[in-house]
Protein backbone atom coordinates (compact mmCIF):
# COMPACT_ATOMS: atom_id res chain seq x y z
CA MET A 1 81.62 104.41 108.37
CA ALA A 2 81.69 107.25 106.03
CA ARG A 3 83.79 110.56 106.72
CA GLN A 4 81.45 113.66 107.89
CA ARG A 5 82.88 116.68 106.60
CA GLU A 6 81.21 120.04 105.54
CA GLY A 7 80.36 120.64 101.99
CA ASP A 8 79.70 117.56 99.52
CA ARG A 9 83.05 116.59 98.43
CA GLU A 10 86.33 114.84 99.05
CA ARG A 11 89.34 115.29 97.28
CA VAL A 12 91.20 112.60 96.65
CA LEU A 13 94.65 112.77 94.38
CA VAL A 14 95.19 110.17 92.02
CA LEU A 15 98.53 108.95 91.05
CA TYR A 16 98.91 107.32 87.88
CA THR A 17 102.23 105.60 87.51
CA GLY A 18 101.42 103.33 84.57
CA GLY A 19 100.04 99.90 84.07
CA THR A 20 97.71 97.91 82.28
CA ILE A 21 94.79 100.25 83.20
CA GLY A 22 95.48 103.16 81.16
CA MET A 23 97.32 101.42 77.87
CA ARG A 24 95.91 101.28 74.25
CA ALA A 25 96.39 99.01 71.72
CA GLY A 26 99.30 100.07 69.75
CA PRO A 27 101.87 98.01 67.07
CA ARG A 28 103.59 96.41 69.67
CA GLY A 29 100.55 95.24 71.78
CA TYR A 30 99.22 97.48 74.84
CA GLU A 31 101.34 100.17 75.48
CA PRO A 32 100.94 103.31 78.00
CA VAL A 33 99.72 106.70 76.33
CA PRO A 34 100.24 109.85 78.04
CA GLY A 35 96.98 111.76 78.91
CA PHE A 36 94.79 108.90 77.61
CA LEU A 37 93.80 107.75 81.08
CA GLY A 38 92.45 111.67 81.95
CA GLN A 39 90.37 111.73 78.63
CA GLN A 40 88.98 108.14 79.33
CA LEU A 41 87.52 108.71 82.87
CA ALA A 42 86.02 112.00 81.99
CA LYS A 43 83.80 110.56 79.19
CA LEU A 44 82.54 107.98 81.89
CA PRO A 45 79.15 109.12 83.65
CA GLN A 46 80.18 107.39 87.29
CA PHE A 47 83.92 109.73 86.97
CA HIS A 48 82.26 113.02 86.04
CA ASP A 49 79.12 114.73 86.57
CA PRO A 50 78.70 117.45 83.98
CA THR A 51 76.98 119.58 86.50
CA GLN A 52 80.08 120.16 88.60
CA PRO A 53 83.92 120.31 88.12
CA PRO A 54 85.57 118.12 85.58
CA LEU A 55 86.47 114.57 87.49
CA THR A 56 83.59 115.21 89.98
CA THR A 57 81.87 111.91 90.65
CA PRO A 58 77.92 112.25 91.12
CA ARG A 59 76.08 111.66 94.69
CA GLY A 60 76.96 108.31 95.90
CA ARG A 61 74.77 106.25 98.25
CA PHE A 62 76.89 107.89 101.36
CA ASP A 63 75.35 111.32 99.41
CA ARG A 64 78.80 112.70 99.09
CA ARG A 65 80.89 113.32 96.01
CA VAL A 66 84.66 112.50 94.93
CA HIS A 67 86.47 115.17 93.33
CA PHE A 68 89.86 113.78 92.32
CA GLU A 69 93.17 115.06 90.59
CA ILE A 70 95.30 113.34 88.37
CA LEU A 71 98.96 113.46 88.50
CA GLU A 72 100.83 111.69 85.95
CA HIS A 73 104.10 110.40 86.56
CA GLU A 74 106.43 110.35 83.29
CA PRO A 75 107.42 108.11 82.41
CA LEU A 76 104.94 105.84 82.49
CA LEU A 77 105.83 102.28 83.44
CA ASP A 78 104.81 98.74 82.76
CA SER A 79 104.81 97.70 86.79
CA SER A 80 107.64 95.15 85.74
CA SER A 81 109.59 97.94 85.63
CA MET A 82 108.92 99.83 88.86
CA ASN A 83 112.34 99.99 91.37
CA VAL A 84 112.93 101.52 94.35
CA GLU A 85 113.10 104.80 93.02
CA ASN A 86 109.73 105.04 91.70
CA TRP A 87 108.43 103.78 95.33
CA VAL A 88 110.36 106.98 96.73
CA ARG A 89 108.76 109.09 93.91
CA ILE A 90 105.51 107.94 94.74
CA GLY A 91 105.82 108.15 98.90
CA LEU A 92 107.58 111.92 98.65
CA ASP A 93 104.40 112.84 96.09
CA ILE A 94 101.92 111.75 98.59
CA GLU A 95 104.08 113.92 101.29
CA ARG A 96 104.06 116.65 99.02
CA HIS A 97 100.73 116.84 98.53
CA TYR A 98 99.49 115.64 101.99
CA GLU A 99 97.22 118.28 103.37
CA ASP A 100 95.69 119.33 100.30
CA PHE A 101 93.74 116.24 99.71
CA ASP A 102 91.71 113.67 101.86
CA GLY A 103 92.90 110.68 100.26
CA PHE A 104 95.09 108.76 97.87
CA VAL A 105 94.48 106.48 95.02
CA VAL A 106 98.08 105.21 92.91
CA LEU A 107 96.80 103.54 89.71
CA HIS A 108 99.47 100.85 89.01
CA GLY A 109 100.40 97.81 86.70
CA THR A 110 99.37 94.63 88.62
CA ASP A 111 102.99 92.25 88.27
CA THR A 112 104.37 94.30 91.05
CA MET A 113 102.20 96.39 92.94
CA ALA A 114 102.13 93.90 96.20
CA TYR A 115 105.73 95.29 96.06
CA THR A 116 105.02 98.80 95.91
CA ALA A 117 102.08 98.71 98.23
CA SER A 118 104.27 97.02 101.00
CA ALA A 119 107.30 99.47 100.37
CA LEU A 120 105.05 102.18 100.78
CA SER A 121 103.34 101.30 104.04
CA PHE A 122 106.57 100.79 105.22
CA MET A 123 107.56 104.55 103.93
CA LEU A 124 104.78 106.16 105.58
CA GLU A 125 105.21 105.92 108.72
CA SER A 126 102.21 107.61 111.02
CA LEU A 127 99.71 107.38 107.89
CA GLY A 128 97.00 109.02 109.15
CA LYS A 129 94.85 109.26 105.63
CA PRO A 130 93.74 106.89 102.67
CA VAL A 131 96.40 105.14 100.03
CA VAL A 132 94.87 102.78 98.05
CA LEU A 133 96.88 101.00 95.26
CA THR A 134 94.62 99.50 92.49
CA GLY A 135 95.10 98.64 88.66
CA SER A 136 93.22 96.48 86.34
CA GLN A 137 93.74 93.40 84.25
CA ILE A 138 92.07 94.61 80.96
CA PRO A 139 92.42 98.49 79.70
CA LEU A 140 89.97 101.12 80.54
CA SER A 141 89.82 101.34 76.82
CA GLU A 142 88.07 97.94 75.97
CA LEU A 143 84.49 97.48 76.23
CA ARG A 144 84.62 95.04 78.71
CA ASN A 145 86.94 95.49 81.73
CA ASP A 146 87.61 95.20 85.13
CA ALA A 147 88.99 98.87 85.61
CA ILE A 148 85.69 101.07 85.61
CA ASP A 149 84.54 98.95 89.26
CA ASN A 150 88.51 99.40 90.46
CA VAL A 151 89.01 102.93 90.17
CA LEU A 152 85.36 103.88 90.95
CA ASP A 153 85.51 101.57 94.30
CA ALA A 154 89.42 102.81 94.91
CA LEU A 155 88.11 106.48 94.83
CA VAL A 156 85.14 105.73 97.13
CA PHE A 157 87.60 103.97 99.81
CA ALA A 158 90.10 107.05 99.43
CA GLY A 159 87.72 109.93 99.93
CA LEU A 160 84.81 108.40 102.25
CA PHE A 161 86.27 106.31 104.63
CA ALA A 162 88.70 106.64 107.25
CA ILE A 163 91.30 103.93 106.77
CA PRO A 164 94.52 105.19 107.81
CA GLU A 165 96.24 102.58 105.91
CA VAL A 166 97.97 101.48 102.49
CA THR A 167 95.85 98.96 100.82
CA VAL A 168 94.95 97.31 97.37
CA TYR A 169 91.91 97.31 96.20
CA PHE A 170 91.16 94.32 93.55
CA HIS A 171 87.80 93.14 92.22
CA HIS A 172 85.72 93.76 95.19
CA GLN A 173 88.08 93.26 98.20
CA LEU A 174 90.10 95.98 100.07
CA LEU A 175 93.33 94.37 101.34
CA ARG A 176 96.13 95.61 103.65
CA GLY A 177 98.65 96.34 101.01
CA ASN A 178 101.49 94.80 102.89
CA ARG A 179 99.78 91.42 102.94
CA SER A 180 98.60 91.43 99.36
CA ARG A 181 99.65 88.75 96.88
CA LYS A 182 99.03 88.75 92.92
CA VAL A 183 97.55 84.68 92.36
CA ASP A 184 96.14 85.26 89.24
CA ALA A 185 97.16 86.67 85.79
CA GLN A 186 94.02 85.19 84.01
CA SER A 187 91.47 86.26 86.54
CA PHE A 188 89.47 89.50 87.68
CA ASP A 189 90.41 87.71 91.00
CA ALA A 190 93.84 88.36 90.74
CA TYR A 191 94.88 89.78 94.42
CA LYS A 192 94.34 87.86 97.46
CA SER A 193 95.54 88.33 101.71
CA PRO A 194 96.65 84.36 102.08
CA ASN A 195 97.43 85.53 105.69
CA PHE A 196 95.45 88.01 106.80
CA PRO A 197 91.36 88.61 106.36
CA PRO A 198 90.23 91.28 103.93
CA LEU A 199 89.32 95.15 105.58
CA ALA A 200 86.80 95.45 103.85
CA THR A 201 84.51 93.93 100.74
CA VAL A 202 81.92 95.46 98.31
CA GLY A 203 78.96 93.83 97.53
CA VAL A 204 75.20 95.78 97.53
CA ASP A 205 76.83 97.61 100.51
CA ILE A 206 80.04 97.99 101.91
CA GLU A 207 81.11 96.24 104.69
CA VAL A 208 84.30 97.63 106.33
CA ALA A 209 85.92 95.17 108.89
CA TRP A 210 86.86 98.02 111.16
CA HIS A 211 88.14 95.82 113.92
CA ARG A 212 90.68 94.78 111.42
CA VAL A 213 91.81 98.61 110.78
CA LEU A 214 95.23 99.78 112.50
CA PRO A 215 94.51 102.76 114.56
CA ARG A 216 94.88 106.12 113.19
CA PRO A 217 98.32 107.58 114.62
CA ARG A 218 98.71 110.45 117.04
CA ALA A 219 101.84 111.70 115.15
CA PRO A 220 102.21 113.81 111.96
CA LEU A 221 103.38 111.81 108.54
CA SER A 222 106.86 110.59 108.40
CA VAL A 223 108.22 109.68 104.93
CA LYS A 224 111.54 108.00 105.21
CA PRO A 225 112.46 106.98 101.91
CA PHE A 226 114.53 103.78 100.62
CA ARG A 227 118.16 103.89 99.29
CA ARG A 228 119.57 101.38 97.12
CA ARG A 229 120.88 98.60 99.31
CA ASN A 230 122.39 95.02 98.67
CA ILE A 231 119.02 92.79 99.31
CA ALA A 232 117.47 89.96 97.62
CA ALA A 233 115.53 86.93 97.53
CA LEU A 234 116.18 83.41 97.26
CA ARG A 235 114.28 80.37 96.57
CA LEU A 236 115.61 77.33 98.12
CA PHE A 237 115.05 74.17 95.51
CA PRO A 238 116.14 70.56 96.55
CA GLY A 239 120.06 70.04 95.47
CA MET A 240 120.92 73.55 96.23
CA THR A 241 124.70 73.29 97.25
CA GLY A 242 126.34 75.14 100.36
CA GLU A 243 128.88 76.57 97.50
CA LEU A 244 125.85 78.10 95.54
CA LEU A 245 124.23 79.59 98.53
CA ALA A 246 127.67 80.95 99.78
CA ARG A 247 128.47 82.28 96.63
CA PHE A 248 125.16 84.11 96.66
CA LEU A 249 125.84 85.42 99.82
CA GLY A 250 128.88 86.56 99.08
CA GLU A 251 130.96 90.23 99.54
CA GLY A 252 128.46 93.20 99.61
CA MET A 253 125.29 91.30 100.59
CA GLU A 254 123.50 93.17 103.46
CA GLY A 255 120.32 91.15 103.35
CA LEU A 256 118.48 87.79 101.87
CA VAL A 257 115.23 86.65 102.21
CA LEU A 258 115.37 82.86 102.16
CA GLU A 259 111.71 81.31 100.92
CA THR A 260 111.95 78.19 101.92
CA TYR A 261 109.46 74.84 102.60
CA GLY A 262 106.05 74.63 104.62
CA THR A 263 106.70 75.92 108.10
CA GLY A 264 110.00 77.80 107.52
CA ASN A 265 112.27 74.39 107.05
CA GLY A 266 114.86 73.66 104.43
CA PRO A 267 117.82 70.65 104.38
CA ASP A 268 119.56 70.06 107.41
CA ARG A 269 122.51 69.67 105.90
CA PRO A 270 125.87 71.10 107.45
CA ASP A 271 127.39 72.55 103.83
CA LEU A 272 124.59 75.17 103.70
CA LEU A 273 124.05 75.60 107.28
CA GLN A 274 127.34 76.59 107.69
CA ALA A 275 126.99 78.71 104.66
CA LEU A 276 123.87 80.73 106.34
CA ARG A 277 125.78 80.89 109.82
CA ALA A 278 129.00 82.51 107.77
CA ALA A 279 126.53 85.09 106.53
CA SER A 280 124.98 85.72 109.25
CA ASP A 281 128.32 86.16 111.36
CA SER A 282 129.62 88.83 108.54
CA GLY A 283 126.34 90.80 109.69
CA VAL A 284 123.68 89.96 106.55
CA VAL A 285 120.44 89.84 108.13
CA ILE A 286 118.80 86.61 106.71
CA VAL A 287 115.16 86.17 107.29
CA ASN A 288 113.26 82.74 106.97
CA VAL A 289 110.08 82.78 105.02
CA SER A 290 107.45 79.92 103.18
CA GLN A 291 107.38 79.37 99.63
CA CYS A 292 103.52 78.08 100.59
CA ALA A 293 100.92 81.03 99.87
CA ARG A 294 99.06 80.59 103.41
CA ALA A 295 101.82 79.86 106.01
CA THR A 296 103.67 80.70 108.98
CA VAL A 297 107.23 80.08 109.84
CA LEU A 298 107.31 78.29 113.42
CA PRO A 299 110.28 76.03 115.24
CA SER A 300 107.96 72.86 114.56
CA TYR A 301 110.91 70.53 112.83
CA ALA A 302 114.07 70.13 113.41
CA ALA A 303 115.12 71.23 109.99
CA GLY A 304 113.79 74.78 110.84
CA ARG A 305 115.24 75.16 113.89
CA ALA A 306 118.27 74.33 112.29
CA LEU A 307 118.09 77.26 109.91
CA ALA A 308 117.06 79.36 113.04
CA ASP A 309 120.62 78.34 114.90
CA ALA A 310 121.99 79.11 111.95
CA GLY A 311 120.99 82.66 112.47
CA VAL A 312 118.22 83.00 110.17
CA VAL A 313 115.39 84.64 111.89
CA SER A 314 111.37 84.04 111.14
CA GLY A 315 109.97 86.33 109.01
CA ARG A 316 106.68 84.56 110.50
CA ASP A 317 103.89 85.28 108.20
CA MET A 318 104.88 87.93 106.25
CA THR A 319 104.81 87.66 102.65
CA ALA A 320 108.10 87.34 100.66
CA GLU A 321 107.16 90.90 98.93
CA ALA A 322 106.67 92.31 102.27
CA ALA A 323 109.77 90.89 103.79
CA LEU A 324 111.82 92.32 101.29
CA THR A 325 110.63 95.35 100.78
CA LYS A 326 110.72 95.62 104.96
CA LEU A 327 114.43 94.12 105.09
CA SER A 328 115.47 96.89 102.08
CA TRP A 329 113.77 99.60 104.24
CA LEU A 330 115.12 99.04 107.51
CA ALA A 331 118.70 98.51 106.16
CA SER A 332 117.85 102.30 104.39
CA GLN A 333 117.91 103.30 107.97
CA ASP A 334 121.30 102.79 108.45
CA LEU A 335 120.62 100.40 111.47
CA PRO A 336 123.04 98.12 112.56
CA PRO A 337 122.76 94.06 111.47
CA ASP A 338 121.06 93.10 115.23
CA ARG A 339 118.70 96.51 115.10
CA VAL A 340 117.43 95.18 111.38
CA ARG A 341 116.88 91.59 112.96
CA ARG A 342 115.13 92.92 115.66
CA GLY A 343 113.40 94.90 113.36
CA MET A 344 112.50 92.80 110.97
CA THR A 345 110.47 90.38 114.00
CA THR A 346 108.77 93.25 115.04
CA ASN A 347 105.13 93.99 113.78
CA LEU A 348 105.59 97.62 112.54
CA ARG A 349 102.64 98.02 110.34
CA GLY A 350 100.49 95.01 110.49
CA GLU A 351 102.52 92.67 108.19
CA LEU A 352 102.71 90.11 110.40
CA THR A 353 100.77 88.50 113.37
CA PRO A 354 102.68 88.27 116.69
CA PRO A 355 103.00 85.19 118.18
CA SER A 356 100.06 86.28 120.74
CA ARG A 357 97.78 86.48 118.15
CA TRP A 358 98.07 83.67 115.77
CA ASN A 359 94.72 82.69 116.82
CA GLU A 360 92.90 86.16 117.06
CA LEU A 361 92.53 87.24 113.81
CA ASP A 362 89.13 88.27 113.94
CA PRO A 363 89.03 89.86 117.64
CA PRO A 364 85.69 91.33 118.79
CA ALA A 365 85.19 94.20 116.43
CA GLY A 366 85.97 97.98 117.77
CA SER A 367 85.11 101.20 116.56
CA PRO A 368 85.54 102.52 113.45
CA THR A 369 88.76 105.43 113.02
């Protein structure tokens, strides 16, 4: 349901970090141009009612308007260049302006948007307002594009719907951010949530699955930033040797997301298992997630149980992006390894399905927040 507030306008802050959505064709191909995105949006009637202050939408089906302001990052980045410092900057921007706006939209490149969405979900503890990440496959400046619908619907969700989560909006679906993955570089339908259903779908009507939305927290927002840590991901492949794995897990490594086969299986070979056990005993936190888009790490096979016996903890049905950012965030809180391991198997922000609910992804509908 839409928010009920006095007046007819909700305020949304748009954090523009870069990406395809605001790019313009240049001599070396598409590139972001400072100030260009705001100029383009101001020309479009969907985003600017000339009878209202600049960047105020017309009244929609909820008889409300969204007034938005754009905070443009410098420099604007292709998302392949995003890093931990950029995640922290976005989180601190939200904290700084939290009381002044009803919701937030983060315009971001599509390549690493799932990492940023996952990172923000852990960083923004007790989030009580919508934070919606979106981008596009074709720039807004092109005649044919997916940018207009994505930005407009993201503004609607950020301004008019009380969904207190970090989400990704793409091609008619609102996804929990730390459950999202980029699955297609050629289609407008670029983002999916393989192990958790969408929070909302957009057609003629907007349908929100309120029973899936996280409850509104009672505590105030608390931002707990990342710090650079020696956390990495490694994809298992046939023929990997224990020597190679031991080198990868060498001095200075604090955590590893190990992408395994199927339901969390790996080679049941002494050299690999010894390398994992030695690293785990030295304090390296190793988390098992599946290479499959849709999977849950289960001790169904001896090969998977052998990894657990070597000290590897289950990432259950987390995406690799969520597992990597969660591990990095927990390590940033200076927790001892055993606490980090417990945290990785605990559902903190809806990023994993607890074992007791593996068959309950669609419980009876609850009340909207």
